[in-house]
Amino acid sequence: MNLNLVIIAGRVTQDAEQKNLPGGQSLAKFSVATNNYWTDRDGQKKEATEFHNMVMWGKKAETLSQYIKKGTLVVVEGTLRTNSWDGEDGKKRYKTEIMVNNIQLGPKASGAYSKDDFADIPAKPKQQQEEESLPVIQAGEEVDSKDSLFIDDDDIDSEEIPF
């Protein structure tokens, strides 16, 4: 079994740089710093900072690049990709990047997001919010099957499974 999965939680070191490539594809690049703390043999506290290069593609790059600003706390899930090329001096060069699959933005380093940051996102009507909420079930209460979050084996028809 093979698995290429990276999860990084850290602070953005520079504003995201978004580009539109000639083929119409969007690309955004930014860097995230993570810190590691430990105590050495002599009892001295140590700290090391790692910098991780991030790459986002497509609609995600277009949308999120405007919110990824220096100092923002982010949690990124992605995969590692290493590119290699021959430098001008003839030596082989390598660059490892994280291809972003999912990203969660935290609060800005200088404070909360302003209302203007999310002005273009429509709010759901209160009635729709209530309809989408999960049913509340009290301990010991009889559960109606339509309110159940679980699927009984009797509810599954093997003929409907596409594989």
Foldseek 3Di string as FASTA:
>chain_A
DDDFKDKDKFFWAAQWDWDQDPVRKIKIKTKGKDKDWDADPVRDIDMDIDIAIEMEIHPCRVPCSVVRGGQKIKIFMFGKDKDWDQDPVRDIDIDIHGYTDDMDTDAHRVGHDDPVSCVVPDDDPPVVVVVPDQDDDDPPDDDDPVNDPDDDPVNDDPVPDPD
